[in-house]
Amino acid sequence: MNETQWPQALADDILRGSSRALSRGLTAVERGGDFADALMERLYPHTGKAHVVGITGSPGSGKSTLVRALARVARERKHSVGVVAIDPSSPFSGGSILGDRIRMNDVACEQDVFIRSLATHGALGGLCRAAADSVDVMDAAGRELIFLETVGIGQDEVDVMKAAATIVVVSVPGLGDEVQTLKAGVLEIADIHAVNKADREGAGRVEAELRSMLALGSPNEQAWLPPVFSCVASREEGVVPLFDAISRHLEFLHGSGEFDRRRKRMVKARVLGIAHELVNEATERAEYDSDDLFEQVRRRELAPQTAGRLLLKRLVGERNSATKV
């Protein structure tokens, strides 16, 4: 088999449902590069069937335990499940610390549950490009329900709305002023709220504050009003109603036309994000060939704005030359 056939052969195996091929495909997209791009070219036309659920919230809120409990409910209802768990990057290897996979070890052994931990690689918002690619690989492999668990970095964690149709924000009592933390962006992206560790003191107050804040929102009767659920994920208490709400939200998205609108926003954000990454990578490569521009700016012979546009023109010119070759 020649090199150009490898991505197609792997894609065929993934589409047939091979778990080993799925693992290899996920490893490939996390590494990135030409092989990963070629693989995604073949898999992407077969995506779009899975319900992608983002699970986000502050560190220590029990997101991994909740995902584990939700996956068990999904399997009881005969859904095939994929989990993409974003872990912090190791400061030594740059790879995932794999804490999420350890916490979900028992459910990972079940048939039709596939869990992959990814490193953030320094990505802001807790997501990296490989996360969305990994969701697509699992989607193409036939996973019906995919949980995307973010690393949990607080107020900046809104990138998940670019990759998931339904977003569950997890809060927990005992971490300080929890609702104040949610006000700066994360509260607005929630489709469903889960107050985990509801057996702790203060859980009722957190739930009441969330309901009070949500009541101040849009009075539009046709809009989705995010429900608030209390649960104790470690004992799998209150998880079934939460799972049912996730299913109802998908029905609402399709029935209201919101699903297509979200899909358009997600596609636009993803493509623009990739374009920005490619420009940044090209700019870093061109840095050593642009000393003349930097020097002219340093001598005040060229404004930084003008130099930036000239650098961009150089990048476009180099790209066109490489394409012709």
C-alpha atoms as a PDB file:
ATOM      1  CA  MET A   1       0.000   0.000   0.000  1.00  0.00           C
ATOM      2  CA  ASN A   2       1.507   3.357  -1.020  1.00  0.00           C
ATOM      3  CA  GLU A   3       1.503   6.427   1.185  1.00  0.00           C
ATOM      4  CA  THR A   4      -1.456   8.096  -0.556  1.00  0.00           C
ATOM      5  CA  GLN A   5      -3.634   5.071   0.178  1.00  0.00           C
ATOM      6  CA  TRP A   6      -3.021   5.010   3.946  1.00  0.00           C
ATOM      7  CA  PRO A   7      -5.543   7.741   4.879  1.00  0.00           C
ATOM      8  CA  GLN A   8      -8.257   6.126   2.753  1.00  0.00           C
ATOM      9  CA  ALA A   9      -7.628   2.666   4.218  1.00  0.00           C
ATOM     10  CA  LEU A  10      -7.788   4.028   7.773  1.00  0.00           C
ATOM     11  CA  ALA A  11     -10.924   6.041   6.965  1.00  0.00           C
ATOM     12  CA  ASP A  12     -12.608   2.923   5.560  1.00  0.00           C
ATOM     13  CA  ASP A  13     -11.832   0.989   8.734  1.00  0.00           C
ATOM     14  CA  ILE A  14     -13.144   3.829  10.922  1.00  0.00           C
ATOM     15  CA  LEU A  15     -16.369   3.995   8.914  1.00  0.00           C
ATOM     16  CA  ARG A  16     -16.766   0.240   9.378  1.00  0.00           C
ATOM     17  CA  GLY A  17     -16.694   0.771  13.146  1.00  0.00           C
ATOM     18  CA  SER A  18     -13.283  -0.659  14.003  1.00  0.00           C
ATOM     19  CA  SER A  19     -12.292   0.453  17.512  1.00  0.00           C
ATOM     20  CA  ARG A  20      -8.624  -0.026  16.723  1.00  0.00           C
ATOM     21  CA  ALA A  21      -8.932   2.162  13.638  1.00  0.00           C
ATOM     22  CA  LEU A  22     -10.836   4.755  15.664  1.00  0.00           C
ATOM     23  CA  SER A  23      -7.977   4.872  18.174  1.00  0.00           C
ATOM     24  CA  ARG A  24      -5.421   5.287  15.388  1.00  0.00           C
ATOM     25  CA  GLY A  25      -7.505   8.008  13.757  1.00  0.00           C
ATOM     26  CA  LEU A  26      -7.781   9.957  16.997  1.00  0.00           C
ATOM     27  CA  THR A  27      -4.030   9.715  17.514  1.00  0.00           C
ATOM     28  CA  ALA A  28      -3.481  10.990  13.977  1.00  0.00           C
ATOM     29  CA  VAL A  29      -5.678  14.077  14.345  1.00  0.00           C
ATOM     30  CA  GLU A  30      -4.121  14.934  17.693  1.00  0.00           C
ATOM     31  CA  ARG A  31      -0.681  14.884  16.078  1.00  0.00           C
ATOM     32  CA  GLY A  32      -1.934  16.938  13.124  1.00  0.00           C
ATOM     33  CA  GLY A  33      -0.085  17.298   9.841  1.00  0.00           C
ATOM     34  CA  ASP A  34      -0.763  16.262   6.269  1.00  0.00           C
ATOM     35  CA  PHE A  35      -1.894  12.734   7.146  1.00  0.00           C
ATOM     36  CA  ALA A  36      -4.484  14.079   9.592  1.00  0.00           C
ATOM     37  CA  ASP A  37      -5.753  16.569   7.005  1.00  0.00           C
ATOM     38  CA  ALA A  38      -6.057  13.847   4.393  1.00  0.00           C
ATOM     39  CA  LEU A  39      -7.904  11.612   6.843  1.00  0.00           C
ATOM     40  CA  MET A  40     -10.375  14.380   7.741  1.00  0.00           C
ATOM     41  CA  GLU A  41     -11.010  15.053   4.058  1.00  0.00           C
ATOM     42  CA  ARG A  42     -12.261  11.486   3.753  1.00  0.00           C
ATOM     43  CA  LEU A  43     -14.196  11.334   7.029  1.00  0.00           C
ATOM     44  CA  TYR A  44     -15.893  14.729   7.148  1.00  0.00           C
ATOM     45  CA  PRO A  45     -18.607  13.921   4.546  1.00  0.00           C
ATOM     46  CA  HIS A  46     -19.751  11.134   6.894  1.00  0.00           C
ATOM     47  CA  THR A  47     -20.169  13.375   9.962  1.00  0.00           C
ATOM     48  CA  GLY A  48     -23.094  15.396  11.292  1.00  0.00           C
ATOM     49  CA  LYS A  49     -25.171  12.551  12.722  1.00  0.00           C
ATOM     50  CA  ALA A  50     -23.996  12.564  16.344  1.00  0.00           C
ATOM     51  CA  HIS A  51     -25.454  14.669  19.152  1.00  0.00           C
ATOM     52  CA  VAL A  52     -22.456  16.507  20.597  1.00  0.00           C
ATOM     53  CA  VAL A  53     -22.906  17.574  24.225  1.00  0.00           C
ATOM     54  CA  GLY A  54     -20.430  19.975  25.811  1.00  0.00           C
ATOM     55  CA  ILE A  55     -19.816  19.564  29.536  1.00  0.00           C
ATOM     56  CA  THR A  56     -18.126  22.598  31.065  1.00  0.00           C
ATOM     57  CA  GLY A  57     -17.693  24.288  34.428  1.00  0.00           C
ATOM     58  CA  SER A  58     -15.149  25.177  37.047  1.00  0.00           C
ATOM     59  CA  PRO A  59     -12.345  22.793  38.048  1.00  0.00           C
ATOM     60  CA  GLY A  60     -13.457  20.498  40.840  1.00  0.00           C
ATOM     61  CA  SER A  61     -17.118  20.560  39.881  1.00  0.00           C
ATOM     62  CA  GLY A  62     -17.144  16.843  39.081  1.00  0.00           C
ATOM     63  CA  LYS A  63     -17.474  17.050  35.299  1.00  0.00           C
ATOM     64  CA  SER A  64     -15.701  13.748  34.651  1.00  0.00           C
ATOM     65  CA  THR A  65     -17.820  11.909  37.205  1.00  0.00           C
ATOM     66  CA  LEU A  66     -20.961  13.400  35.670  1.00  0.00           C
ATOM     67  CA  VAL A  67     -19.901  12.387  32.153  1.00  0.00           C
ATOM     68  CA  ARG A  68     -19.284   8.866  33.418  1.00  0.00           C
ATOM     69  CA  ALA A  69     -22.786   8.733  34.926  1.00  0.00           C
ATOM     70  CA  LEU A  70     -24.390  10.145  31.767  1.00  0.00           C
ATOM     71  CA  ALA A  71     -22.521   7.619  29.636  1.00  0.00           C
ATOM     72  CA  ARG A  72     -23.921   4.799  31.749  1.00  0.00           C
ATOM     73  CA  VAL A  73     -27.474   6.081  31.222  1.00  0.00           C
ATOM     74  CA  ALA A  74     -26.815   6.374  27.496  1.00  0.00           C
ATOM     75  CA  ARG A  75     -25.617   2.789  27.321  1.00  0.00           C
ATOM     76  CA  GLU A  76     -28.687   1.586  29.227  1.00  0.00           C
ATOM     77  CA  ARG A  77     -30.710   3.216  26.456  1.00  0.00           C
ATOM     78  CA  LYS A  78     -28.635   1.489  23.776  1.00  0.00           C
ATOM     79  CA  HIS A  79     -26.796   4.585  22.521  1.00  0.00           C
ATOM     80  CA  SER A  80     -23.215   4.254  21.368  1.00  0.00           C
ATOM     81  CA  VAL A  81     -21.085   6.799  23.217  1.00  0.00           C
ATOM     82  CA  GLY A  82     -17.908   8.723  22.593  1.00  0.00           C
ATOM     83  CA  VAL A  83     -16.141  10.929  25.140  1.00  0.00           C
ATOM     84  CA  VAL A  84     -13.524  13.530  24.279  1.00  0.00           C
ATOM     85  CA  ALA A  85     -12.076  14.670  27.601  1.00  0.00           C
ATOM     86  CA  ILE A  86      -9.746  17.658  27.524  1.00  0.00           C
ATOM     87  CA  ASP A  87      -7.042  17.359  30.162  1.00  0.00           C
ATOM     88  CA  PRO A  88      -4.379  19.914  31.090  1.00  0.00           C
ATOM     89  CA  SER A  89      -1.126  19.530  29.201  1.00  0.00           C
ATOM     90  CA  SER A  90       1.786  17.980  31.013  1.00  0.00           C
ATOM     91  CA  PRO A  91       4.500  20.601  31.599  1.00  0.00           C
ATOM     92  CA  PHE A  92       7.110  17.969  30.719  1.00  0.00           C
ATOM     93  CA  SER A  93       5.772  16.007  27.741  1.00  0.00           C
ATOM     94  CA  GLY A  94       3.107  18.427  26.506  1.00  0.00           C
ATOM     95  CA  GLY A  95       0.653  15.520  26.457  1.00  0.00           C
ATOM     96  CA  SER A  96      -2.550  14.886  28.351  1.00  0.00           C
ATOM     97  CA  ILE A  97      -2.270  14.013  32.039  1.00  0.00           C
ATOM     98  CA  LEU A  98      -5.070  11.448  31.452  1.00  0.00           C
ATOM     99  CA  GLY A  99      -6.860  12.115  34.713  1.00  0.00           C
ATOM    100  CA  ASP A 100     -10.272  11.978  33.055  1.00  0.00           C
ATOM    101  CA  ARG A 101      -9.668   8.556  31.564  1.00  0.00           C
ATOM    102  CA  ILE A 102      -8.591   7.209  34.949  1.00  0.00           C
ATOM    103  CA  ARG A 103     -11.761   8.520  36.600  1.00  0.00           C
ATOM    104  CA  MET A 104     -13.910   6.945  33.865  1.00  0.00           C
ATOM    105  CA  ASN A 105     -12.001   3.684  33.757  1.00  0.00           C
ATOM    106  CA  ASP A 106     -14.950   1.422  34.584  1.00  0.00           C
ATOM    107  CA  VAL A 107     -17.326   2.816  31.969  1.00  0.00           C
ATOM    108  CA  ALA A 108     -14.527   2.823  29.391  1.00  0.00           C
ATOM    109  CA  CYS A 109     -14.493  -0.967  29.594  1.00  0.00           C
ATOM    110  CA  GLU A 110     -18.109  -1.179  28.447  1.00  0.00           C
ATOM    111  CA  GLN A 111     -18.938  -2.010  24.858  1.00  0.00           C
ATOM    112  CA  ASP A 112     -19.780   0.972  22.626  1.00  0.00           C
ATOM    113  CA  VAL A 113     -18.159   3.498  24.974  1.00  0.00           C
ATOM    114  CA  PHE A 114     -14.945   5.031  23.653  1.00  0.00           C
ATOM    115  CA  ILE A 115     -13.026   7.603  25.690  1.00  0.00           C
ATOM    116  CA  ARG A 116     -10.104   9.705  24.511  1.00  0.00           C
ATOM    117  CA  SER A 117      -8.218  12.257  26.595  1.00  0.00           C
ATOM    118  CA  LEU A 118      -6.591  15.167  24.801  1.00  0.00           C
ATOM    119  CA  ALA A 119      -4.142  17.792  25.975  1.00  0.00           C
ATOM    120  CA  THR A 120      -5.049  21.469  25.728  1.00  0.00           C
ATOM    121  CA  HIS A 121      -1.624  22.268  24.216  1.00  0.00           C
ATOM    122  CA  GLY A 122      -2.019  25.758  25.654  1.00  0.00           C
ATOM    123  CA  ALA A 123      -5.275  26.475  23.809  1.00  0.00           C
ATOM    124  CA  LEU A 124      -7.316  29.297  25.301  1.00  0.00           C
ATOM    125  CA  GLY A 125     -10.874  28.422  26.248  1.00  0.00           C
ATOM    126  CA  GLY A 126      -9.889  24.885  27.170  1.00  0.00           C
ATOM    127  CA  LEU A 127     -10.243  23.518  23.626  1.00  0.00           C
ATOM    128  CA  CYS A 128      -7.700  22.780  20.948  1.00  0.00           C
ATOM    129  CA  ARG A 129      -8.150  22.199  17.229  1.00  0.00           C
ATOM    130  CA  ALA A 130      -7.741  18.449  17.718  1.00  0.00           C
ATOM    131  CA  ALA A 131     -10.826  18.390  19.963  1.00  0.00           C
ATOM    132  CA  ALA A 132     -13.225  19.286  17.152  1.00  0.00           C
ATOM    133  CA  ASP A 133     -11.389  16.898  14.801  1.00  0.00           C
ATOM    134  CA  SER A 134     -11.656  14.119  17.389  1.00  0.00           C
ATOM    135  CA  VAL A 135     -15.401  14.700  17.685  1.00  0.00           C
ATOM    136  CA  ASP A 136     -15.675  14.356  13.909  1.00  0.00           C
ATOM    137  CA  VAL A 137     -13.696  11.107  13.899  1.00  0.00           C
ATOM    138  CA  MET A 138     -15.996   9.647  16.565  1.00  0.00           C
ATOM    139  CA  ASP A 139     -19.026  10.926  14.663  1.00  0.00           C
ATOM    140  CA  ALA A 140     -17.842   9.242  11.465  1.00  0.00           C
ATOM    141  CA  ALA A 141     -17.237   6.048  13.432  1.00  0.00           C
ATOM    142  CA  GLY A 142     -20.930   5.940  14.291  1.00  0.00           C
ATOM    143  CA  ARG A 143     -20.962   7.234  17.870  1.00  0.00           C
ATOM    144  CA  GLU A 144     -24.476   8.538  18.423  1.00  0.00           C
ATOM    145  CA  LEU A 145     -23.815  10.620  21.523  1.00  0.00           C
ATOM    146  CA  ILE A 146     -20.496  12.387  22.053  1.00  0.00           C
ATOM    147  CA  PHE A 147     -19.609  14.154  25.286  1.00  0.00           C
ATOM    148  CA  LEU A 148     -17.004  16.892  24.975  1.00  0.00           C
ATOM    149  CA  GLU A 149     -15.650  17.641  28.450  1.00  0.00           C
ATOM    150  CA  THR A 150     -13.591  20.787  28.744  1.00  0.00           C
ATOM    151  CA  VAL A 151     -10.655  21.228  31.060  1.00  0.00           C
ATOM    152  CA  GLY A 152     -12.424  23.692  33.343  1.00  0.00           C
ATOM    153  CA  ILE A 153     -10.606  27.009  33.375  1.00  0.00           C
ATOM    154  CA  GLY A 154     -13.398  29.310  34.497  1.00  0.00           C
ATOM    155  CA  GLN A 155     -14.699  32.406  32.765  1.00  0.00           C
ATOM    156  CA  ASP A 156     -12.840  32.021  29.489  1.00  0.00           C
ATOM    157  CA  GLU A 157     -14.374  28.654  28.802  1.00  0.00           C
ATOM    158  CA  VAL A 158     -16.846  29.528  26.070  1.00  0.00           C
ATOM    159  CA  ASP A 159     -15.093  27.874  23.121  1.00  0.00           C
ATOM    160  CA  VAL A 160     -17.162  24.760  23.731  1.00  0.00           C
ATOM    161  CA  MET A 161     -20.143  26.447  22.047  1.00  0.00           C
ATOM    162  CA  LYS A 162     -18.170  26.273  18.786  1.00  0.00           C
ATOM    163  CA  ALA A 163     -18.141  22.477  18.882  1.00  0.00           C
ATOM    164  CA  ALA A 164     -21.251  21.271  20.749  1.00  0.00           C
ATOM    165  CA  ALA A 165     -24.974  21.480  19.992  1.00  0.00           C
ATOM    166  CA  THR A 166     -26.005  21.190  23.641  1.00  0.00           C
ATOM    167  CA  ILE A 167     -24.020  22.714  26.476  1.00  0.00           C
ATOM    168  CA  VAL A 168     -24.309  21.617  30.096  1.00  0.00           C
ATOM    169  CA  VAL A 169     -22.705  23.963  32.625  1.00  0.00           C
ATOM    170  CA  VAL A 170     -21.789  22.218  35.868  1.00  0.00           C
ATOM    171  CA  SER A 171     -21.596  24.163  39.126  1.00  0.00           C
ATOM    172  CA  VAL A 172     -21.047  22.989  42.670  1.00  0.00           C
ATOM    173  CA  PRO A 173     -21.494  24.504  46.128  1.00  0.00           C
ATOM    174  CA  GLY A 174     -18.532  25.279  48.302  1.00  0.00           C
ATOM    175  CA  LEU A 175     -16.207  26.931  45.764  1.00  0.00           C
ATOM    176  CA  GLY A 176     -16.927  30.519  46.755  1.00  0.00           C
ATOM    177  CA  ASP A 177     -19.331  32.782  44.906  1.00  0.00           C
ATOM    178  CA  GLU A 178     -20.216  30.256  42.212  1.00  0.00           C
ATOM    179  CA  VAL A 179     -22.873  32.258  40.415  1.00  0.00           C
ATOM    180  CA  GLN A 180     -20.652  35.346  40.237  1.00  0.00           C
ATOM    181  CA  THR A 181     -18.120  33.165  38.449  1.00  0.00           C
ATOM    182  CA  LEU A 182     -20.758  32.140  35.922  1.00  0.00           C
ATOM    183  CA  LYS A 183     -21.905  35.674  35.147  1.00  0.00           C
ATOM    184  CA  ALA A 184     -18.988  36.573  32.881  1.00  0.00           C
ATOM    185  CA  GLY A 185     -19.925  34.499  29.841  1.00  0.00           C
ATOM    186  CA  VAL A 186     -20.332  30.898  30.937  1.00  0.00           C
ATOM    187  CA  LEU A 187     -23.864  31.432  32.240  1.00  0.00           C
ATOM    188  CA  GLU A 188     -24.978  32.750  28.862  1.00  0.00           C
ATOM    189  CA  ILE A 189     -23.816  29.705  26.898  1.00  0.00           C
ATOM    190  CA  ALA A 190     -25.625  27.140  29.073  1.00  0.00           C
ATOM    191  CA  ASP A 191     -28.519  25.175  27.613  1.00  0.00           C
ATOM    192  CA  ILE A 192     -28.803  23.141  30.817  1.00  0.00           C
ATOM    193  CA  HIS A 193     -27.474  23.759  34.321  1.00  0.00           C
ATOM    194  CA  ALA A 194     -26.383  20.918  36.584  1.00  0.00           C
ATOM    195  CA  VAL A 195     -25.701  21.627  40.249  1.00  0.00           C
ATOM    196  CA  ASN A 196     -23.480  18.684  41.114  1.00  0.00           C
ATOM    197  CA  LYS A 197     -22.577  17.439  44.602  1.00  0.00           C
ATOM    198  CA  ALA A 198     -26.065  18.460  45.686  1.00  0.00           C
ATOM    199  CA  ASP A 199     -25.589  16.650  48.995  1.00  0.00           C
ATOM    200  CA  ARG A 200     -23.275  19.462  50.093  1.00  0.00           C
ATOM    201  CA  GLU A 201     -24.373  22.410  52.174  1.00  0.00           C
ATOM    202  CA  GLY A 202     -25.332  25.369  50.024  1.00  0.00           C
ATOM    203  CA  ALA A 203     -26.528  23.396  46.990  1.00  0.00           C
ATOM    204  CA  GLY A 204     -30.071  24.700  47.389  1.00  0.00           C
ATOM    205  CA  ARG A 205     -28.814  28.271  47.447  1.00  0.00           C
ATOM    206  CA  VAL A 206     -26.809  27.783  44.241  1.00  0.00           C
ATOM    207  CA  GLU A 207     -29.819  26.264  42.495  1.00  0.00           C
ATOM    208  CA  ALA A 208     -32.096  29.085  43.679  1.00  0.00           C
ATOM    209  CA  GLU A 209     -29.648  31.760  42.518  1.00  0.00           C
ATOM    210  CA  LEU A 210     -29.370  30.162  39.106  1.00  0.00           C
ATOM    211  CA  ARG A 211     -33.143  30.005  38.714  1.00  0.00           C
ATOM    212  CA  SER A 212     -33.431  33.618  39.817  1.00  0.00           C
ATOM    213  CA  MET A 213     -30.852  34.795  37.288  1.00  0.00           C
ATOM    214  CA  LEU A 214     -32.424  32.769  34.484  1.00  0.00           C
ATOM    215  CA  ALA A 215     -35.842  34.267  35.273  1.00  0.00           C
ATOM    216  CA  LEU A 216     -34.392  37.686  34.375  1.00  0.00           C
ATOM    217  CA  GLY A 217     -33.673  36.502  30.851  1.00  0.00           C
ATOM    218  CA  SER A 218     -35.712  36.765  27.659  1.00  0.00           C
ATOM    219  CA  PRO A 219     -39.485  36.402  28.109  1.00  0.00           C
ATOM    220  CA  ASN A 220     -39.784  34.892  24.610  1.00  0.00           C
ATOM    221  CA  GLU A 221     -42.059  31.886  25.040  1.00  0.00           C
ATOM    222  CA  GLN A 222     -40.562  30.168  21.998  1.00  0.00           C
ATOM    223  CA  ALA A 223     -37.029  30.350  23.360  1.00  0.00           C
ATOM    224  CA  TRP A 224     -35.447  27.513  25.298  1.00  0.00           C
ATOM    225  CA  LEU A 225     -35.360  28.275  29.020  1.00  0.00           C
ATOM    226  CA  PRO A 226     -32.316  26.475  30.461  1.00  0.00           C
ATOM    227  CA  PRO A 227     -33.511  24.071  33.169  1.00  0.00           C
ATOM    228  CA  VAL A 228     -31.612  23.612  36.425  1.00  0.00           C
ATOM    229  CA  PHE A 229     -31.013  20.142  37.860  1.00  0.00           C
ATOM    230  CA  SER A 230     -29.463  18.979  41.099  1.00  0.00           C
ATOM    231  CA  CYS A 231     -27.493  15.753  41.103  1.00  0.00           C
ATOM    232  CA  VAL A 232     -24.895  13.727  42.936  1.00  0.00           C
ATOM    233  CA  ALA A 233     -22.942  12.229  40.057  1.00  0.00           C
ATOM    234  CA  SER A 234     -20.724  10.075  42.278  1.00  0.00           C
ATOM    235  CA  ARG A 235     -23.833   8.161  43.382  1.00  0.00           C
ATOM    236  CA  GLU A 236     -25.571   8.547  40.005  1.00  0.00           C
ATOM    237  CA  GLU A 237     -28.444  10.404  41.679  1.00  0.00           C
ATOM    238  CA  GLY A 238     -30.454  12.853  39.584  1.00  0.00           C
ATOM    239  CA  VAL A 239     -28.594  11.916  36.398  1.00  0.00           C
ATOM    240  CA  VAL A 240     -31.556  10.397  34.519  1.00  0.00           C
ATOM    241  CA  PRO A 241     -33.621  13.650  34.532  1.00  0.00           C
ATOM    242  CA  LEU A 242     -30.530  15.497  33.320  1.00  0.00           C
ATOM    243  CA  PHE A 243     -30.043  13.003  30.504  1.00  0.00           C
ATOM    244  CA  ASP A 244     -33.716  13.347  29.529  1.00  0.00           C
ATOM    245  CA  ALA A 245     -33.291  17.135  29.356  1.00  0.00           C
ATOM    246  CA  ILE A 246     -30.323  16.703  27.014  1.00  0.00           C
ATOM    247  CA  SER A 247     -32.531  14.618  24.719  1.00  0.00           C
ATOM    248  CA  ARG A 248     -35.357  17.165  24.893  1.00  0.00           C
ATOM    249  CA  HIS A 249     -32.975  19.957  24.004  1.00  0.00           C
ATOM    250  CA  LEU A 250     -31.947  18.185  20.817  1.00  0.00           C
ATOM    251  CA  GLU A 251     -35.623  17.802  19.902  1.00  0.00           C
ATOM    252  CA  PHE A 252     -36.127  21.523  20.552  1.00  0.00           C
ATOM    253  CA  LEU A 253     -33.156  22.424  18.353  1.00  0.00           C
ATOM    254  CA  HIS A 254     -34.527  20.465  15.411  1.00  0.00           C
ATOM    255  CA  GLY A 255     -38.134  21.546  15.930  1.00  0.00           C
ATOM    256  CA  SER A 256     -37.325  25.251  16.194  1.00  0.00           C
ATOM    257  CA  GLY A 257     -34.765  25.429  13.397  1.00  0.00           C
ATOM    258  CA  GLU A 258     -32.124  26.472  15.911  1.00  0.00           C
ATOM    259  CA  PHE A 259     -30.014  23.410  15.107  1.00  0.00           C
ATOM    260  CA  ASP A 260     -29.247  24.642  11.583  1.00  0.00           C
ATOM    261  CA  ARG A 261     -28.524  28.158  12.858  1.00  0.00           C
ATOM    262  CA  ARG A 262     -26.113  26.802  15.441  1.00  0.00           C
ATOM    263  CA  ARG A 263     -24.491  24.555  12.881  1.00  0.00           C
ATOM    264  CA  LYS A 264     -23.806  27.551  10.629  1.00  0.00           C
ATOM    265  CA  ARG A 265     -22.245  29.491  13.518  1.00  0.00           C
ATOM    266  CA  MET A 266     -20.148  26.499  14.531  1.00  0.00           C
ATOM    267  CA  VAL A 267     -18.882  25.892  10.994  1.00  0.00           C
ATOM    268  CA  LYS A 268     -18.008  29.559  10.511  1.00  0.00           C
ATOM    269  CA  ALA A 269     -16.181  29.766  13.838  1.00  0.00           C
ATOM    270  CA  ARG A 270     -14.266  26.561  13.168  1.00  0.00           C
ATOM    271  CA  VAL A 271     -13.127  27.506   9.665  1.00  0.00           C
ATOM    272  CA  LEU A 272     -12.074  30.987  10.767  1.00  0.00           C
ATOM    273  CA  GLY A 273     -10.251  29.493  13.747  1.00  0.00           C
ATOM    274  CA  ILE A 274      -8.290  27.120  11.507  1.00  0.00           C
ATOM    275  CA  ALA A 275      -7.489  29.990   9.125  1.00  0.00           C
ATOM    276  CA  HIS A 276      -6.159  32.046  12.041  1.00  0.00           C
ATOM    277  CA  GLU A 277      -4.005  29.125  13.174  1.00  0.00           C
ATOM    278  CA  LEU A 278      -2.559  28.682   9.689  1.00  0.00           C
ATOM    279  CA  VAL A 279      -1.782  32.390   9.401  1.00  0.00           C
ATOM    280  CA  ASN A 280      -0.086  32.336  12.810  1.00  0.00           C
ATOM    281  CA  GLU A 281       1.967  29.307  11.839  1.00  0.00           C
ATOM    282  CA  ALA A 282       2.977  30.909   8.548  1.00  0.00           C
ATOM    283  CA  THR A 283       3.850  34.146  10.325  1.00  0.00           C
ATOM    284  CA  GLU A 284       6.106  32.316  12.759  1.00  0.00           C
ATOM    285  CA  ARG A 285       7.868  30.562   9.885  1.00  0.00           C
ATOM    286  CA  ALA A 286       8.331  33.867   8.059  1.00  0.00           C
ATOM    287  CA  GLU A 287       9.647  35.666  11.130  1.00  0.00           C
ATOM    288  CA  TYR A 288      13.285  34.975  10.287  1.00  0.00           C
ATOM    289  CA  ASP A 289      12.831  36.216   6.707  1.00  0.00           C
ATOM    290  CA  SER A 290      11.301  39.528   7.721  1.00  0.00           C
ATOM    291  CA  ASP A 291      14.164  41.200   9.522  1.00  0.00           C
ATOM    292  CA  ASP A 292      14.137  43.980   6.931  1.00  0.00           C
ATOM    293  CA  LEU A 293      10.563  44.921   7.817  1.00  0.00           C
ATOM    294  CA  PHE A 294      11.267  44.795  11.539  1.00  0.00           C
ATOM    295  CA  GLU A 295      14.341  46.959  11.075  1.00  0.00           C
ATOM    296  CA  GLN A 296      12.427  49.569   9.068  1.00  0.00           C
ATOM    297  CA  VAL A 297       9.811  49.754  11.804  1.00  0.00           C
ATOM    298  CA  ARG A 298      12.552  50.068  14.437  1.00  0.00           C
ATOM    299  CA  ARG A 299      14.093  52.994  12.517  1.00  0.00           C
ATOM    300  CA  ARG A 300      10.646  54.609  12.225  1.00  0.00           C
ATOM    301  CA  GLU A 301      10.843  54.345   8.433  1.00  0.00           C
ATOM    302  CA  LEU A 302       7.746  52.158   8.286  1.00  0.00           C
ATOM    303  CA  ALA A 303       4.620  52.141  10.422  1.00  0.00           C
ATOM    304  CA  PRO A 304       3.830  48.816  12.149  1.00  0.00           C
ATOM    305  CA  GLN A 305       0.460  48.712  10.397  1.00  0.00           C
ATOM    306  CA  THR A 306       2.099  49.011   6.982  1.00  0.00           C
ATOM    307  CA  ALA A 307       4.717  46.417   7.866  1.00  0.00           C
ATOM    308  CA  GLY A 308       2.000  44.014   8.976  1.00  0.00           C
ATOM    309  CA  ARG A 309       0.198  44.340   5.638  1.00  0.00           C
ATOM    310  CA  LEU A 310       3.456  43.845   3.732  1.00  0.00           C
ATOM    311  CA  LEU A 311       4.217  40.725   5.760  1.00  0.00           C
ATOM    312  CA  LEU A 312       0.773  39.346   4.969  1.00  0.00           C
ATOM    313  CA  LYS A 313       1.340  39.990   1.252  1.00  0.00           C
ATOM    314  CA  ARG A 314       4.610  38.074   1.471  1.00  0.00           C
ATOM    315  CA  LEU A 315       2.839  35.140   3.087  1.00  0.00           C
ATOM    316  CA  VAL A 316       0.204  35.098   0.357  1.00  0.00           C
ATOM    317  CA  GLY A 317       2.877  35.332  -2.312  1.00  0.00           C
ATOM    318  CA  GLU A 318       4.834  32.432  -0.826  1.00  0.00           C
ATOM    319  CA  ARG A 319       1.647  30.361  -0.631  1.00  0.00           C
ATOM    320  CA  ASN A 320       0.822  31.036  -4.280  1.00  0.00           C
ATOM    321  CA  SER A 321       4.365  30.146  -5.351  1.00  0.00           C
ATOM    322  CA  ALA A 322       4.239  26.862  -3.413  1.00  0.00           C
ATOM    323  CA  THR A 323       0.873  26.013  -5.020  1.00  0.00           C
ATOM    324  CA  LYS A 324       2.248  26.572  -8.544  1.00  0.00           C
ATOM    325  CA  VAL A 325       5.217  24.316  -7.827  1.00  0.00           C
END
